[in-house]
């Protein structure tokens, strides 16, 4: 009595093509925004950093062929309440909540990310 076992061969990996040039451009923009907003832009910076990296990531199959890409549709309108709550928590805890904030940001951004297959 042997049972036939079927396994899915959808094992693959992720490949990110976020370049150093793109990183430098992003840093320059965020420095300017930080100066203009007197530091307030830094509260939303982690969302857009993660979004930029995710949107430059492809899904590869087991042979290394690109079969899809990640598409993060996050914008600040999706989570304005989340941002306000965490800003208040960071202020109240004198910055200590910031350590948890980075993990929550990643969770929010990942929940707004979908795989688009080619």
Protein backbone atom coordinates (compact mmCIF):
# COMPACT_ATOMS: atom_id res chain seq x y z
CA UNK A 1 0.00 0.00 0.00
CA UNK A 2 2.17 2.73 -1.23
CA UNK A 3 0.71 6.18 -1.71
CA UNK A 4 1.83 8.43 -4.52
CA UNK A 5 3.23 11.64 -3.16
CA UNK A 6 3.23 14.70 -5.34
CA UNK A 7 5.48 17.60 -4.55
CA UNK A 8 5.27 21.06 -5.96
CA UNK A 9 8.49 22.22 -7.60
CA UNK A 10 7.87 25.90 -7.06
CA UNK A 11 11.03 26.34 -5.05
CA UNK A 12 12.73 29.54 -6.02
CA UNK A 13 14.36 32.61 -4.63
CA UNK A 14 14.22 36.37 -4.72
CA UNK A 15 16.59 38.62 -6.66
CA UNK A 16 16.79 42.33 -5.92
CA UNK A 17 18.17 44.78 -8.47
CA UNK A 18 18.13 47.92 -6.29
CA UNK A 19 21.35 49.61 -7.39
CA UNK A 20 23.83 51.77 -5.53
CA UNK A 21 22.98 54.66 -7.85
CA UNK A 22 19.30 54.37 -6.92
CA UNK A 23 20.24 54.25 -3.25
CA UNK A 24 22.36 57.41 -3.53
CA UNK A 25 19.55 59.23 -5.35
CA UNK A 26 17.06 58.14 -2.73
CA UNK A 27 19.34 59.26 0.11
CA UNK A 28 19.77 62.70 -1.46
CA UNK A 29 16.01 63.13 -1.83
CA UNK A 30 15.38 62.01 1.75
CA UNK A 31 18.07 64.32 3.15
CA UNK A 32 16.43 67.26 1.37
CA UNK A 33 12.98 66.21 2.63
CA UNK A 34 14.35 65.80 6.16
CA UNK A 35 15.80 69.32 6.16
CA UNK A 36 12.64 70.87 4.67
CA UNK A 37 10.33 69.09 7.15
CA UNK A 38 12.66 69.58 10.14
CA UNK A 39 13.07 65.82 10.56
CA UNK A 40 9.44 64.76 10.20
CA UNK A 41 10.15 62.99 6.91
CA UNK A 42 12.24 60.46 8.83
CA UNK A 43 9.05 59.02 10.30
CA UNK A 44 7.85 57.83 6.88
CA UNK A 45 11.31 57.11 5.44
CA UNK A 46 11.34 53.42 6.53
CA UNK A 47 8.08 52.77 4.64
CA UNK A 48 9.44 54.15 1.39
CA UNK A 49 12.87 52.57 1.80
CA UNK A 50 11.30 49.11 2.12
CA UNK A 51 8.88 49.85 -0.73
CA UNK A 52 11.70 50.89 -3.06
CA UNK A 53 13.64 47.69 -2.39
CA UNK A 54 10.58 45.42 -2.69
CA UNK A 55 9.55 46.99 -6.00
CA UNK A 56 12.98 46.13 -7.44
CA UNK A 57 12.70 42.45 -6.46
CA UNK A 58 11.93 39.59 -8.83
CA UNK A 59 10.79 36.06 -8.04
CA UNK A 60 12.95 33.37 -9.66
CA UNK A 61 11.99 29.74 -10.18
CA UNK A 62 14.25 26.80 -9.36
CA UNK A 63 16.22 27.25 -12.59
CA UNK A 64 16.86 30.96 -11.99
CA UNK A 65 14.34 32.20 -14.56
CA UNK A 66 12.31 35.27 -13.55
CA UNK A 67 8.66 34.28 -13.12
CA UNK A 68 7.29 37.33 -11.35
CA UNK A 69 8.02 40.45 -9.39
CA UNK A 70 7.01 41.99 -6.10
CA UNK A 71 4.71 45.00 -6.30
CA UNK A 72 4.34 47.08 -3.16
CA UNK A 73 1.40 49.47 -3.42
CA UNK A 74 1.95 51.17 -0.08
CA UNK A 75 1.37 54.89 0.19
CA UNK A 76 1.15 57.04 3.27
CA UNK A 77 -2.63 57.37 2.86
CA UNK A 78 -2.94 53.67 3.65
CA UNK A 79 -1.39 54.05 7.09
CA UNK A 80 -1.67 57.64 8.27
CA UNK A 81 -3.23 56.41 11.52
CA UNK A 82 -0.40 53.92 11.97
CA UNK A 83 2.20 56.65 11.50
CA UNK A 84 0.51 59.07 13.93
CA UNK A 85 0.15 56.38 16.60
CA UNK A 86 3.80 55.38 16.36
CA UNK A 87 5.03 58.99 16.36
CA UNK A 88 3.15 59.52 19.62
CA UNK A 89 4.54 56.28 21.08
CA UNK A 90 8.08 57.24 20.09
CA UNK A 91 7.69 60.66 21.72
CA UNK A 92 6.12 59.26 24.91
CA UNK A 93 8.80 56.56 25.29
CA UNK A 94 11.61 59.01 24.47
CA UNK A 95 12.53 57.07 21.35
CA UNK A 96 12.47 53.53 22.73
CA UNK A 97 9.37 52.59 20.71
CA UNK A 98 11.44 53.28 17.60
CA UNK A 99 13.06 49.87 17.98
CA UNK A 100 9.65 48.21 17.61
CA UNK A 101 8.52 50.71 14.97
CA UNK A 102 10.95 49.43 12.33
CA UNK A 103 9.50 45.92 12.63
CA UNK A 104 5.93 47.19 12.43
CA UNK A 105 6.81 49.24 9.36
CA UNK A 106 8.15 46.14 7.62
CA UNK A 107 4.95 44.27 8.50
CA UNK A 108 2.75 47.03 7.08
CA UNK A 109 4.77 47.26 3.87
CA UNK A 110 4.83 43.48 3.36
CA UNK A 111 1.05 43.34 3.83
CA UNK A 112 0.73 45.84 0.95
CA UNK A 113 2.98 43.73 -1.34
CA UNK A 114 1.74 41.28 -3.95
CA UNK A 115 3.48 38.92 -6.36
CA UNK A 116 2.75 39.68 -10.00
CA UNK A 117 3.55 36.65 -12.15
CA UNK A 118 4.78 37.17 -15.71
